[in-house]
Amino acid sequence: MLNVAELTDTTLRGAAINNWDVSVFKLIPVTDRIQMQFRAEFFNIANRVQFGNPGTAVGGPNFGVITSQLNQPRLVQFGLRLNF
């Protein structure tokens, strides 16, 4: 006899990934041989949510239900680098 709780539906799919990362760099000459680089990096700049995959256990309480989020919120990072 086959247990219904052990069946999984592999055709269920989650939403597509829509995550935009942007970086901006600026080189600032200090002397002939030394440069300073300013950098700004934005991760998930549109701050869009990416949901996890739905539950695939047929007969389970979470079948077809999305219960998680996969990505991080918008992150901004600044950096300063000295090239010599």
Protein backbone atom coordinates (compact mmCIF):
# COMPACT_ATOMS: atom_id res chain seq x y z
CA MET A 1 0.00 0.00 0.00
CA LEU A 2 1.29 3.44 -0.93
CA ASN A 3 1.38 6.16 1.72
CA VAL A 4 -0.08 9.39 0.30
CA ALA A 5 2.04 11.56 2.63
CA GLU A 6 5.22 10.29 0.94
CA LEU A 7 4.22 11.46 -2.55
CA THR A 8 5.75 14.65 -3.88
CA ASP A 9 4.67 16.79 -6.80
CA THR A 10 7.81 17.84 -8.69
CA THR A 11 5.94 20.06 -11.15
CA LEU A 12 5.32 22.81 -8.58
CA ARG A 13 7.65 25.74 -9.15
CA GLY A 14 8.35 28.97 -7.34
CA ALA A 15 8.41 32.47 -8.73
CA ALA A 16 11.27 33.65 -10.95
CA ILE A 17 14.33 35.41 -9.56
CA ASN A 18 14.21 39.16 -10.01
CA ASN A 19 17.16 40.63 -8.14
CA TRP A 20 19.19 43.60 -9.38
CA ASP A 21 22.67 44.44 -8.05
CA VAL A 22 24.40 47.71 -9.04
CA SER A 23 27.97 48.93 -8.48
CA VAL A 24 29.41 52.39 -9.08
CA PHE A 25 33.17 53.13 -9.06
CA LYS A 26 35.06 56.42 -9.16
CA LEU A 27 38.85 56.63 -9.55
CA ILE A 28 40.40 59.74 -8.01
CA PRO A 29 44.08 60.41 -8.86
CA VAL A 30 46.16 61.45 -5.84
CA THR A 31 49.61 61.51 -7.48
CA ASP A 32 51.04 60.03 -10.68
CA ARG A 33 51.34 56.56 -9.14
CA ILE A 34 48.66 56.63 -6.43
CA GLN A 35 44.93 56.46 -7.04
CA MET A 36 42.02 56.33 -4.65
CA GLN A 37 38.94 54.35 -5.62
CA PHE A 38 35.51 55.14 -4.18
CA ARG A 39 32.97 52.38 -4.58
CA ALA A 40 29.24 52.15 -3.85
CA GLU A 41 27.50 48.78 -4.15
CA PHE A 42 23.75 48.22 -3.98
CA PHE A 43 22.37 44.71 -3.57
CA ASN A 44 18.69 44.10 -4.40
CA ILE A 45 18.36 47.76 -5.34
CA ALA A 46 14.63 47.51 -6.16
CA ASN A 47 14.01 45.84 -2.76
CA ARG A 48 11.89 43.09 -4.34
CA VAL A 49 10.94 40.02 -2.36
CA GLN A 50 11.85 36.57 -3.67
CA PHE A 51 9.60 33.88 -2.25
CA GLY A 52 10.72 30.31 -1.61
CA ASN A 53 9.37 27.25 -3.36
CA PRO A 54 5.96 25.86 -2.41
CA GLY A 55 5.61 22.71 -0.33
CA THR A 56 5.58 19.57 -2.52
CA ALA A 57 4.44 16.84 -0.08
CA VAL A 58 1.04 15.70 -1.38
CA GLY A 59 -1.45 15.47 1.49
CA GLY A 60 0.70 17.53 3.83
CA PRO A 61 -0.56 20.71 5.49
CA ASN A 62 1.86 22.90 3.49
CA PHE A 63 1.17 21.39 0.04
CA GLY A 64 1.36 24.24 -2.48
CA VAL A 65 1.94 26.83 0.26
CA ILE A 66 4.93 29.19 0.18
CA THR A 67 6.28 29.66 3.71
CA SER A 68 9.67 31.31 3.23
CA GLN A 69 11.58 34.20 1.70
CA LEU A 70 14.92 33.49 -0.02
CA ASN A 71 16.59 36.85 -0.51
CA GLN A 72 17.84 39.67 1.69
CA PRO A 73 16.39 43.19 1.82
CA ARG A 74 18.18 46.06 0.08
CA LEU A 75 21.81 46.35 1.20
CA VAL A 76 24.12 49.30 0.52
CA GLN A 77 27.88 49.12 0.96
CA PHE A 78 30.52 51.82 0.50
CA GLY A 79 34.26 51.27 0.11
CA LEU A 80 37.42 53.27 -0.22
CA ARG A 81 40.56 51.73 -1.71
CA LEU A 82 44.07 53.11 -2.20
CA ASN A 83 45.94 51.79 -5.25
CA PHE A 84 49.71 52.32 -5.38
